[in-house]
Amino acid sequence: MRTLAAAAIVLFAASAASAQTAGSTYVSTEFRDGPKGEKIHIASGFVCPDRIGPFVRDAVGESDPGSGADFCSYYGFDGVYGTVTLTPLHDGYDPEQSMAPQFTEQEGIGGRNLGANTLTLGPKDAPVSVYTRTYETSHLATLHYRILFTGAAVRNWVVETTIEYAEPRDDQVEENFLHAVYTAAAAEIGGK
């Protein structure tokens, strides 16, 4: 039953994101078009490319007008999803507090907290310390369905990701997505 509830939430979120861009008249004022199909976040300079490895961008827009948070979302093969959220940084960043509503939601639908960690991602000359927390939502004989939440302060912006994937099948895809996002954030946010 928990798996069905989690799947329904994932499908609803994916269809809502797709509906926002596919044939709609929605025009984002938070992003501008880049010369190669990318969407450039106007306030931060972060570039949401059309593709990140096997991920294809399916939506961009405003996620929380109150906080100024904007997003770009991606889908991959076999139910792999990734979302990048950009929020202006005002008074320091506590990832556990910032993502607490998402953690509560996962625990409320039966997600099992597998723990938190800190990773160093991005370029060697400007590494980014990234907080991570992983939840397992369900599992089959050989696959464990997980949601990974990450967050880091990059200059004057908070960059958070949510990645839904199956372990071990999608481990490399998940890792590549994280490296691409935080490498781009370190290079692009705050513009050079």
N, C-alpha and C. Protein backbone atom coordinates (compact mmCIF):
# COMPACT_ATOMS: atom_id res chain seq x y z
N MET A 1 0.82 -1.19 0.00
CA MET A 1 0.00 0.00 0.00
C MET A 1 0.87 1.26 0.00
N ARG A 2 1.95 1.23 0.81
CA ARG A 2 2.84 2.39 0.84
C ARG A 2 3.44 2.65 -0.53
N THR A 3 3.79 1.56 -1.21
CA THR A 3 4.38 1.68 -2.54
C THR A 3 3.40 2.35 -3.49
N LEU A 4 2.12 1.95 -3.40
CA LEU A 4 1.10 2.57 -4.26
C LEU A 4 0.95 4.05 -3.96
N ALA A 5 0.98 4.43 -2.68
CA ALA A 5 0.86 5.84 -2.31
C ALA A 5 2.06 6.63 -2.82
N ALA A 6 3.25 6.06 -2.65
CA ALA A 6 4.46 6.74 -3.12
C ALA A 6 4.43 6.87 -4.64
N ALA A 7 4.01 5.81 -5.33
CA ALA A 7 3.94 5.85 -6.79
C ALA A 7 2.93 6.88 -7.26
N ALA A 8 1.80 6.98 -6.56
CA ALA A 8 0.78 7.97 -6.93
C ALA A 8 1.31 9.39 -6.79
N ILE A 9 2.06 9.64 -5.71
CA ILE A 9 2.63 10.97 -5.52
C ILE A 9 3.63 11.29 -6.62
N VAL A 10 4.49 10.32 -6.94
CA VAL A 10 5.48 10.53 -7.99
C VAL A 10 4.80 10.80 -9.32
N LEU A 11 3.80 9.99 -9.67
CA LEU A 11 3.10 10.19 -10.94
C LEU A 11 2.38 11.53 -10.99
N PHE A 12 1.76 11.92 -9.87
CA PHE A 12 1.08 13.22 -9.84
C PHE A 12 2.07 14.35 -10.05
N ALA A 13 3.21 14.31 -9.34
CA ALA A 13 4.22 15.36 -9.48
C ALA A 13 4.76 15.42 -10.90
N ALA A 14 5.03 14.25 -11.48
CA ALA A 14 5.57 14.21 -12.84
C ALA A 14 4.55 14.72 -13.85
N SER A 15 3.28 14.33 -13.69
CA SER A 15 2.28 14.80 -14.65
C SER A 15 2.01 16.28 -14.49
N ALA A 16 2.07 16.79 -13.25
CA ALA A 16 1.88 18.23 -13.04
C ALA A 16 3.01 19.02 -13.68
N ALA A 17 4.24 18.54 -13.52
CA ALA A 17 5.37 19.22 -14.12
C ALA A 17 5.29 19.18 -15.63
N SER A 18 4.92 18.02 -16.20
CA SER A 18 4.81 17.90 -17.65
C SER A 18 3.69 18.76 -18.18
N ALA A 19 2.58 18.83 -17.47
CA ALA A 19 1.45 19.63 -17.92
C ALA A 19 1.81 21.10 -17.98
N GLN A 20 2.73 21.50 -17.14
CA GLN A 20 3.10 22.90 -17.10
C GLN A 20 3.80 23.36 -18.37
N THR A 21 4.50 22.46 -19.05
CA THR A 21 5.24 22.88 -20.22
C THR A 21 4.66 22.35 -21.52
N ALA A 22 4.06 21.19 -21.49
CA ALA A 22 3.60 20.56 -22.73
C ALA A 22 2.32 21.21 -23.23
N GLY A 23 2.44 22.05 -24.23
CA GLY A 23 1.30 22.66 -24.87
C GLY A 23 0.60 23.73 -24.04
N SER A 24 1.18 24.15 -22.94
CA SER A 24 0.52 25.15 -22.12
C SER A 24 0.96 26.54 -22.55
N THR A 25 0.27 27.53 -22.01
CA THR A 25 0.63 28.91 -22.30
C THR A 25 1.48 29.49 -21.18
N TYR A 26 1.90 28.66 -20.23
CA TYR A 26 2.72 29.11 -19.13
C TYR A 26 4.05 29.63 -19.66
N VAL A 27 4.40 30.83 -19.25
CA VAL A 27 5.68 31.41 -19.63
C VAL A 27 6.41 31.79 -18.35
N SER A 28 7.55 31.20 -18.14
CA SER A 28 8.31 31.46 -16.93
C SER A 28 8.96 32.83 -16.99
N THR A 29 8.80 33.59 -15.92
CA THR A 29 9.50 34.87 -15.82
C THR A 29 10.77 34.72 -15.00
N GLU A 30 11.00 33.52 -14.48
CA GLU A 30 12.18 33.24 -13.67
C GLU A 30 13.35 32.76 -14.51
N PHE A 31 13.06 32.25 -15.70
CA PHE A 31 14.08 31.69 -16.59
C PHE A 31 13.98 32.34 -17.96
N ARG A 32 15.13 32.42 -18.63
CA ARG A 32 15.14 32.87 -20.02
C ARG A 32 15.73 31.76 -20.87
N ASP A 33 15.41 31.78 -22.15
CA ASP A 33 15.93 30.77 -23.06
C ASP A 33 17.39 31.03 -23.38
N GLY A 34 18.17 29.96 -23.40
CA GLY A 34 19.56 30.04 -23.81
C GLY A 34 19.69 29.66 -25.27
N PRO A 35 20.86 29.88 -25.87
CA PRO A 35 21.03 29.63 -27.30
C PRO A 35 20.99 28.16 -27.71
N LYS A 36 21.18 27.24 -26.76
CA LYS A 36 21.21 25.81 -27.11
C LYS A 36 20.06 25.04 -26.46
N GLY A 37 18.93 25.72 -26.24
CA GLY A 37 17.77 25.06 -25.65
C GLY A 37 17.77 25.03 -24.13
N GLU A 38 18.80 25.54 -23.51
CA GLU A 38 18.85 25.55 -22.05
C GLU A 38 17.94 26.65 -21.50
N LYS A 39 17.62 26.54 -20.23
CA LYS A 39 16.86 27.57 -19.51
C LYS A 39 17.81 28.16 -18.48
N ILE A 40 17.96 29.47 -18.52
CA ILE A 40 18.90 30.15 -17.63
C ILE A 40 18.11 30.86 -16.55
N HIS A 41 18.41 30.52 -15.30
CA HIS A 41 17.74 31.15 -14.16
C HIS A 41 18.23 32.59 -14.08
N ILE A 42 17.31 33.52 -14.27
CA ILE A 42 17.67 34.93 -14.40
C ILE A 42 18.36 35.48 -13.15
N ALA A 43 17.83 35.18 -11.98
CA ALA A 43 18.36 35.78 -10.76
C ALA A 43 19.73 35.24 -10.36
N SER A 44 19.98 33.94 -10.57
CA SER A 44 21.23 33.35 -10.09
C SER A 44 22.27 33.12 -11.18
N GLY A 45 21.81 32.96 -12.42
CA GLY A 45 22.72 32.61 -13.51
C GLY A 45 22.87 31.11 -13.72
N PHE A 46 22.23 30.29 -12.86
CA PHE A 46 22.31 28.83 -13.00
C PHE A 46 21.65 28.40 -14.29
N VAL A 47 22.31 27.51 -15.02
CA VAL A 47 21.79 27.03 -16.31
C VAL A 47 21.20 25.64 -16.12
N CYS A 48 19.94 25.50 -16.53
CA CYS A 48 19.28 24.19 -16.56
C CYS A 48 19.37 23.70 -17.99
N PRO A 49 20.33 22.83 -18.28
CA PRO A 49 20.48 22.36 -19.66
C PRO A 49 19.28 21.53 -20.09
N ASP A 50 19.15 21.35 -21.39
CA ASP A 50 18.08 20.52 -21.92
C ASP A 50 18.23 19.08 -21.43
N ARG A 51 19.48 18.63 -21.27
CA ARG A 51 19.76 17.26 -20.81
C ARG A 51 20.91 17.28 -19.80
N ILE A 52 20.80 16.37 -18.84
CA ILE A 52 21.92 16.07 -17.94
C ILE A 52 22.09 14.56 -18.03
N GLY A 53 23.06 14.11 -18.80
CA GLY A 53 23.21 12.68 -19.05
C GLY A 53 21.93 12.14 -19.66
N PRO A 54 21.38 11.08 -19.08
CA PRO A 54 20.14 10.53 -19.63
C PRO A 54 18.88 11.30 -19.20
N PHE A 55 19.03 12.28 -18.32
CA PHE A 55 17.88 13.07 -17.86
C PHE A 55 17.51 14.12 -18.90
N VAL A 56 16.21 14.30 -19.12
CA VAL A 56 15.69 15.31 -20.04
C VAL A 56 14.88 16.30 -19.22
N ARG A 57 15.16 17.58 -19.42
CA ARG A 57 14.41 18.62 -18.69
C ARG A 57 12.96 18.62 -19.15
N ASP A 58 12.03 18.63 -18.20
CA ASP A 58 10.63 18.66 -18.60
C ASP A 58 9.87 19.87 -18.09
N ALA A 59 10.43 20.63 -17.14
CA ALA A 59 9.73 21.81 -16.65
C ALA A 59 10.69 22.73 -15.92
N VAL A 60 10.37 24.01 -15.93
CA VAL A 60 11.04 25.01 -15.11
C VAL A 60 9.96 25.96 -14.61
N GLY A 61 10.22 26.61 -13.51
CA GLY A 61 9.24 27.58 -13.01
C GLY A 61 9.47 27.96 -11.57
N GLU A 62 8.45 28.58 -11.03
CA GLU A 62 8.47 29.06 -9.65
C GLU A 62 7.89 27.97 -8.76
N SER A 63 8.61 27.63 -7.68
CA SER A 63 8.08 26.58 -6.80
C SER A 63 7.51 27.14 -5.51
N ASP A 64 8.01 28.27 -5.03
CA ASP A 64 7.49 28.87 -3.80
C ASP A 64 7.68 30.38 -3.86
N PRO A 65 6.62 31.11 -4.23
CA PRO A 65 6.75 32.57 -4.35
C PRO A 65 7.17 33.24 -3.05
N GLY A 66 6.76 32.69 -1.91
CA GLY A 66 7.10 33.30 -0.63
C GLY A 66 8.59 33.32 -0.34
N SER A 67 9.28 32.26 -0.71
CA SER A 67 10.71 32.18 -0.45
C SER A 67 11.55 32.59 -1.66
N GLY A 68 10.90 32.73 -2.82
CA GLY A 68 11.62 33.05 -4.05
C GLY A 68 12.24 31.82 -4.70
N ALA A 69 11.78 30.63 -4.31
CA ALA A 69 12.36 29.39 -4.84
C ALA A 69 11.83 29.09 -6.23
N ASP A 70 12.73 28.67 -7.11
CA ASP A 70 12.41 28.28 -8.48
C ASP A 70 12.99 26.88 -8.71
N PHE A 71 12.53 26.20 -9.76
CA PHE A 71 12.96 24.83 -9.98
C PHE A 71 13.16 24.54 -11.45
N CYS A 72 13.92 23.49 -11.72
CA CYS A 72 13.93 22.84 -13.02
C CYS A 72 13.89 21.35 -12.74
N SER A 73 13.04 20.64 -13.47
CA SER A 73 12.87 19.21 -13.21
C SER A 73 13.24 18.41 -14.45
N TYR A 74 13.66 17.17 -14.17
CA TYR A 74 14.16 16.27 -15.21
C TYR A 74 13.56 14.89 -15.01
N TYR A 75 13.38 14.17 -16.10
CA TYR A 75 12.99 12.77 -16.01
C TYR A 75 14.01 11.95 -16.79
N GLY A 76 14.16 10.72 -16.37
CA GLY A 76 15.07 9.81 -17.04
C GLY A 76 14.32 8.57 -17.45
N PHE A 77 15.02 7.49 -17.62
CA PHE A 77 14.42 6.23 -18.02
C PHE A 77 13.98 5.46 -16.77
N ASP A 78 13.04 4.55 -16.94
CA ASP A 78 12.61 3.64 -15.87
C ASP A 78 12.24 4.33 -14.56
N GLY A 79 11.60 5.50 -14.64
CA GLY A 79 11.11 6.16 -13.43
C GLY A 79 12.15 6.90 -12.62
N VAL A 80 13.23 7.32 -13.24
CA VAL A 80 14.25 8.11 -12.56
C VAL A 80 13.90 9.59 -12.76
N TYR A 81 13.85 10.34 -11.65
CA TYR A 81 13.49 11.76 -11.72
C TYR A 81 14.49 12.59 -10.94
N GLY A 82 14.72 13.81 -11.38
CA GLY A 82 15.59 14.72 -10.67
C GLY A 82 15.02 16.12 -10.71
N THR A 83 15.08 16.82 -9.59
CA THR A 83 14.62 18.21 -9.52
C THR A 83 15.71 19.04 -8.86
N VAL A 84 15.93 20.23 -9.41
CA VAL A 84 16.87 21.19 -8.83
C VAL A 84 16.04 22.38 -8.37
N THR A 85 16.21 22.78 -7.12
CA THR A 85 15.50 23.94 -6.59
C THR A 85 16.53 24.99 -6.19
N LEU A 86 16.28 26.22 -6.60
CA LEU A 86 17.16 27.35 -6.31
C LEU A 86 16.39 28.34 -5.45
N THR A 87 16.96 28.69 -4.29
CA THR A 87 16.31 29.61 -3.35
C THR A 87 17.33 30.65 -2.91
N PRO A 88 16.94 31.94 -2.90
CA PRO A 88 17.88 32.95 -2.40
C PRO A 88 18.28 32.66 -0.95
N LEU A 89 19.54 32.84 -0.64
CA LEU A 89 20.07 32.62 0.70
C LEU A 89 20.06 33.95 1.44
N HIS A 90 19.39 33.97 2.60
CA HIS A 90 19.29 35.22 3.35
C HIS A 90 20.08 35.19 4.65
N ASP A 91 19.84 34.21 5.50
CA ASP A 91 20.45 34.19 6.84
C ASP A 91 21.09 32.86 7.17
N GLY A 92 21.99 32.39 6.37
CA GLY A 92 22.61 31.10 6.62
C GLY A 92 21.72 29.97 6.11
N TYR A 93 22.27 28.78 6.08
CA TYR A 93 21.54 27.64 5.54
C TYR A 93 21.68 26.44 6.45
N ASP A 94 20.56 25.91 6.89
CA ASP A 94 20.49 24.68 7.65
C ASP A 94 19.70 23.69 6.81
N PRO A 95 20.37 22.74 6.13
CA PRO A 95 19.66 21.84 5.22
C PRO A 95 18.58 21.01 5.90
N GLU A 96 18.83 20.55 7.12
CA GLU A 96 17.82 19.75 7.80
C GLU A 96 16.55 20.55 8.06
N GLN A 97 16.70 21.79 8.44
CA GLN A 97 15.54 22.64 8.67
C GLN A 97 14.85 23.00 7.35
N SER A 98 15.64 23.31 6.33
CA SER A 98 15.09 23.70 5.04
C SER A 98 14.27 22.57 4.40
N MET A 99 14.75 21.35 4.51
CA MET A 99 14.09 20.22 3.86
C MET A 99 13.20 19.42 4.81
N ALA A 100 12.99 19.91 6.03
CA ALA A 100 12.19 19.20 7.03
C ALA A 100 10.80 18.83 6.53
N PRO A 101 10.08 19.72 5.80
CA PRO A 101 8.76 19.31 5.31
C PRO A 101 8.83 18.10 4.36
N GLN A 102 9.85 18.04 3.54
CA GLN A 102 10.00 16.89 2.63
C GLN A 102 10.33 15.62 3.41
N PHE A 103 11.16 15.75 4.44
CA PHE A 103 11.50 14.59 5.26
C PHE A 103 10.25 14.07 5.98
N THR A 104 9.47 14.99 6.53
CA THR A 104 8.23 14.62 7.23
C THR A 104 7.27 13.92 6.28
N GLU A 105 7.18 14.43 5.05
CA GLU A 105 6.30 13.81 4.06
C GLU A 105 6.75 12.37 3.75
N GLN A 106 8.05 12.18 3.55
CA GLN A 106 8.56 10.84 3.26
C GLN A 106 8.29 9.88 4.41
N GLU A 107 8.53 10.33 5.62
CA GLU A 107 8.31 9.48 6.78
C GLU A 107 6.82 9.20 6.97
N GLY A 108 5.96 10.17 6.60
CA GLY A 108 4.52 10.01 6.72
C GLY A 108 3.95 8.97 5.77
N ILE A 109 4.60 8.77 4.64
CA ILE A 109 4.11 7.77 3.68
C ILE A 109 4.89 6.45 3.78
N GLY A 110 5.68 6.33 4.85
CA GLY A 110 6.36 5.07 5.10
C GLY A 110 7.78 4.98 4.60
N GLY A 111 8.35 6.10 4.14
CA GLY A 111 9.74 6.09 3.71
C GLY A 111 10.66 5.81 4.89
N ARG A 112 11.65 4.97 4.67
CA ARG A 112 12.59 4.61 5.73
C ARG A 112 13.86 5.44 5.59
N ASN A 113 14.18 6.23 6.60
CA ASN A 113 15.36 7.08 6.59
C ASN A 113 16.60 6.20 6.66
N LEU A 114 17.42 6.28 5.62
CA LEU A 114 18.65 5.49 5.57
C LEU A 114 19.85 6.27 6.08
N GLY A 115 19.64 7.53 6.45
CA GLY A 115 20.71 8.30 7.04
C GLY A 115 21.13 9.50 6.22
N ALA A 116 21.94 10.30 6.86
CA ALA A 116 22.44 11.54 6.26
C ALA A 116 23.95 11.44 6.10
N ASN A 117 24.47 12.27 5.21
CA ASN A 117 25.89 12.27 4.92
C ASN A 117 26.26 13.65 4.38
N THR A 118 27.53 13.92 4.30
CA THR A 118 28.01 15.14 3.65
C THR A 118 29.00 14.71 2.57
N LEU A 119 28.76 15.20 1.35
CA LEU A 119 29.63 14.90 0.22
C LEU A 119 30.34 16.17 -0.22
N THR A 120 31.49 16.02 -0.83
CA THR A 120 32.17 17.13 -1.46
C THR A 120 32.04 16.92 -2.96
N LEU A 121 31.34 17.85 -3.62
CA LEU A 121 31.07 17.75 -5.05
C LEU A 121 31.53 19.02 -5.75
N GLY A 122 31.46 18.99 -7.06
CA GLY A 122 31.83 20.18 -7.83
C GLY A 122 33.29 20.16 -8.24
N PRO A 123 33.74 21.27 -8.76
CA PRO A 123 35.12 21.34 -9.25
C PRO A 123 36.14 21.32 -8.11
N LYS A 124 37.33 20.81 -8.41
CA LYS A 124 38.37 20.71 -7.38
C LYS A 124 38.80 22.08 -6.87
N ASP A 125 38.74 23.10 -7.72
CA ASP A 125 39.18 24.43 -7.29
C ASP A 125 38.10 25.20 -6.54
N ALA A 126 36.85 24.70 -6.54
CA ALA A 126 35.77 25.35 -5.80
C ALA A 126 34.78 24.29 -5.32
N PRO A 127 35.24 23.36 -4.45
CA PRO A 127 34.36 22.28 -4.02
C PRO A 127 33.17 22.78 -3.21
N VAL A 128 32.09 22.02 -3.29
CA VAL A 128 30.86 22.36 -2.60
C VAL A 128 30.57 21.26 -1.58
N SER A 129 30.34 21.65 -0.32
CA SER A 129 29.97 20.70 0.72
C SER A 129 28.46 20.51 0.66
N VAL A 130 28.02 19.28 0.37
CA VAL A 130 26.61 18.99 0.09
C VAL A 130 26.05 18.03 1.14
N TYR A 131 25.00 18.46 1.82
CA TYR A 131 24.28 17.61 2.77
C TYR A 131 23.38 16.66 1.99
N THR A 132 23.33 15.39 2.39
CA THR A 132 22.44 14.42 1.73
C THR A 132 21.65 13.65 2.78
N ARG A 133 20.43 13.28 2.41
CA ARG A 133 19.63 12.35 3.21
C ARG A 133 18.88 11.46 2.24
N THR A 134 18.92 10.15 2.51
CA THR A 134 18.31 9.17 1.62
C THR A 134 17.17 8.45 2.32
N TYR A 135 16.09 8.25 1.58
CA TYR A 135 14.95 7.46 2.06
C TYR A 135 14.73 6.29 1.11
N GLU A 136 14.38 5.15 1.68
CA GLU A 136 13.95 4.02 0.86
C GLU A 136 12.44 3.98 0.92
N THR A 137 11.81 4.00 -0.26
CA THR A 137 10.35 4.02 -0.32
C THR A 137 9.76 2.64 -0.51
N SER A 138 10.49 1.74 -1.17
CA SER A 138 10.05 0.36 -1.35
C SER A 138 11.21 -0.43 -1.93
N HIS A 139 11.02 -1.75 -2.02
CA HIS A 139 12.05 -2.56 -2.64
C HIS A 139 11.45 -3.83 -3.22
N LEU A 140 12.13 -4.31 -4.23
CA LEU A 140 11.82 -5.59 -4.85
C LEU A 140 12.99 -6.53 -4.54
N ALA A 141 13.02 -7.64 -5.17
CA ALA A 141 14.08 -8.61 -4.89
C ALA A 141 15.48 -8.01 -5.06
N THR A 142 15.70 -7.28 -6.15
CA THR A 142 17.05 -6.77 -6.41
C THR A 142 17.14 -5.25 -6.48
N LEU A 143 16.02 -4.55 -6.43
CA LEU A 143 16.03 -3.08 -6.54
C LEU A 143 15.46 -2.44 -5.27
N HIS A 144 16.12 -1.38 -4.86
CA HIS A 144 15.66 -0.59 -3.71
C HIS A 144 15.32 0.80 -4.24
N TYR A 145 14.05 1.19 -4.12
CA TYR A 145 13.61 2.49 -4.64
C TYR A 145 13.88 3.54 -3.59
N ARG A 146 14.61 4.56 -4.00
CA ARG A 146 15.10 5.56 -3.06
C ARG A 146 14.81 6.97 -3.54
N ILE A 147 14.76 7.86 -2.56
CA ILE A 147 14.69 9.29 -2.83
C ILE A 147 15.85 9.93 -2.07
N LEU A 148 16.69 10.62 -2.80
CA LEU A 148 17.85 11.29 -2.23
C LEU A 148 17.58 12.79 -2.24
N PHE A 149 17.70 13.41 -1.07
CA PHE A 149 17.58 14.86 -0.94
C PHE A 149 18.97 15.41 -0.69
N THR A 150 19.33 16.48 -1.39
CA THR A 150 20.62 17.13 -1.16
C THR A 150 20.42 18.63 -1.04
N GLY A 151 21.36 19.27 -0.38
CA GLY A 151 21.30 20.72 -0.26
C GLY A 151 22.65 21.31 0.07
N ALA A 152 22.89 22.50 -0.50
CA ALA A 152 24.14 23.21 -0.23
C ALA A 152 23.94 24.69 -0.49
N ALA A 153 24.68 25.50 0.23
CA ALA A 153 24.72 26.93 -0.04
C ALA A 153 25.85 27.17 -1.04
N VAL A 154 25.51 27.84 -2.14
CA VAL A 154 26.49 28.19 -3.16
C VAL A 154 26.39 29.69 -3.36
N ARG A 155 27.41 30.39 -2.86
CA ARG A 155 27.40 31.85 -2.83
C ARG A 155 26.13 32.33 -2.14
N ASN A 156 25.30 33.10 -2.80
CA ASN A 156 24.10 33.63 -2.15
C ASN A 156 22.83 32.88 -2.54
N TRP A 157 22.99 31.60 -2.89
CA TRP A 157 21.85 30.76 -3.27
C TRP A 157 21.92 29.41 -2.58
N VAL A 158 20.75 28.85 -2.30
CA VAL A 158 20.65 27.47 -1.82
C VAL A 158 20.30 26.62 -3.03
N VAL A 159 21.07 25.56 -3.23
CA VAL A 159 20.82 24.62 -4.33
C VAL A 159 20.44 23.29 -3.69
N GLU A 160 19.20 22.87 -3.92
CA GLU A 160 18.72 21.60 -3.39
C GLU A 160 18.29 20.71 -4.55
N THR A 161 18.52 19.41 -4.41
CA THR A 161 18.05 18.47 -5.42
C THR A 161 17.24 17.38 -4.75
N THR A 162 16.37 16.79 -5.52
CA THR A 162 15.64 15.59 -5.13
C THR A 162 15.79 14.62 -6.30
N ILE A 163 16.27 13.42 -6.01
CA ILE A 163 16.46 12.43 -7.06
C ILE A 163 15.76 11.14 -6.65
N GLU A 164 14.90 10.65 -7.53
CA GLU A 164 14.20 9.39 -7.31
C GLU A 164 14.83 8.36 -8.24
N TYR A 165 15.28 7.23 -7.67
CA TYR A 165 16.01 6.24 -8.46
C TYR A 165 15.91 4.87 -7.82
N ALA A 166 16.37 3.87 -8.53
CA ALA A 166 16.43 2.50 -8.01
C ALA A 166 17.89 2.12 -7.81
N GLU A 167 18.20 1.66 -6.61
CA GLU A 167 19.54 1.22 -6.26
C GLU A 167 19.59 -0.29 -6.40
N PRO A 168 20.55 -0.91 -6.96
CA PRO A 168 21.82 -0.39 -7.48
C PRO A 168 21.78 0.01 -8.96
N ARG A 169 20.67 -0.28 -9.64
CA ARG A 169 20.59 -0.06 -11.09
C ARG A 169 20.97 1.37 -11.50
N ASP A 170 20.50 2.37 -10.77
CA ASP A 170 20.66 3.77 -11.18
C ASP A 170 21.72 4.53 -10.39
N ASP A 171 22.56 3.84 -9.64
CA ASP A 171 23.54 4.53 -8.80
C ASP A 171 24.44 5.48 -9.59
N GLN A 172 24.93 5.03 -10.73
CA GLN A 172 25.84 5.87 -11.52
C GLN A 172 25.10 7.08 -12.10
N VAL A 173 23.87 6.88 -12.53
CA VAL A 173 23.06 7.97 -13.08
C VAL A 173 22.81 9.03 -12.00
N GLU A 174 22.47 8.58 -10.80
CA GLU A 174 22.23 9.48 -9.66
C GLU A 174 23.50 10.27 -9.33
N GLU A 175 24.61 9.58 -9.28
CA GLU A 175 25.88 10.23 -8.97
C GLU A 175 26.27 11.26 -10.04
N ASN A 176 26.09 10.91 -11.30
CA ASN A 176 26.42 11.83 -12.39
C ASN A 176 25.53 13.08 -12.35
N PHE A 177 24.25 12.90 -12.02
CA PHE A 177 23.33 14.04 -11.92
C PHE A 177 23.81 15.00 -10.83
N LEU A 178 24.13 14.46 -9.66
CA LEU A 178 24.61 15.31 -8.56
C LEU A 178 25.88 16.07 -8.94
N HIS A 179 26.85 15.36 -9.50
CA HIS A 179 28.10 16.03 -9.89
C HIS A 179 27.84 17.13 -10.92
N ALA A 180 26.98 16.87 -11.89
CA ALA A 180 26.68 17.88 -12.92
C ALA A 180 26.02 19.10 -12.31
N VAL A 181 25.06 18.89 -11.43
CA VAL A 181 24.33 20.03 -10.82
C VAL A 181 25.26 20.88 -9.98
N TYR A 182 26.02 20.26 -9.08
CA TYR A 182 26.85 21.06 -8.17
C TYR A 182 28.10 21.62 -8.85
N THR A 183 28.60 20.99 -9.89
CA THR A 183 29.69 21.57 -10.66
C THR A 183 29.19 22.81 -11.40
N ALA A 184 28.00 22.71 -11.99
CA ALA A 184 27.41 23.86 -12.68
C ALA A 184 27.10 24.98 -11.70
N ALA A 185 26.56 24.63 -10.54
CA ALA A 185 26.23 25.66 -9.54
C ALA A 185 27.47 26.43 -9.12
N ALA A 186 28.57 25.71 -8.88
CA ALA A 186 29.81 26.38 -8.46
C ALA A 186 30.35 27.30 -9.53
N ALA A 187 30.15 26.93 -10.79
CA ALA A 187 30.68 27.73 -11.91
C ALA A 187 29.74 28.87 -12.32
N GLU A 188 28.43 28.68 -12.20
CA GLU A 188 27.48 29.60 -12.82
C GLU A 188 26.81 30.57 -11.85
N ILE A 189 26.56 30.14 -10.63
CA ILE A 189 25.83 31.01 -9.70
C ILE A 189 26.71 32.17 -9.29
N GLY A 190 26.15 33.33 -9.36
CA GLY A 190 26.89 34.53 -9.03
C GLY A 190 27.65 35.09 -10.21
N GLY A 191 27.54 34.39 -11.36
CA GLY A 191 28.13 34.83 -12.62
C GLY A 191 29.53 35.36 -12.55
N LYS A 192 30.27 35.04 -13.56
CA LYS A 192 31.64 35.55 -13.64
C LYS A 192 31.74 36.62 -14.69
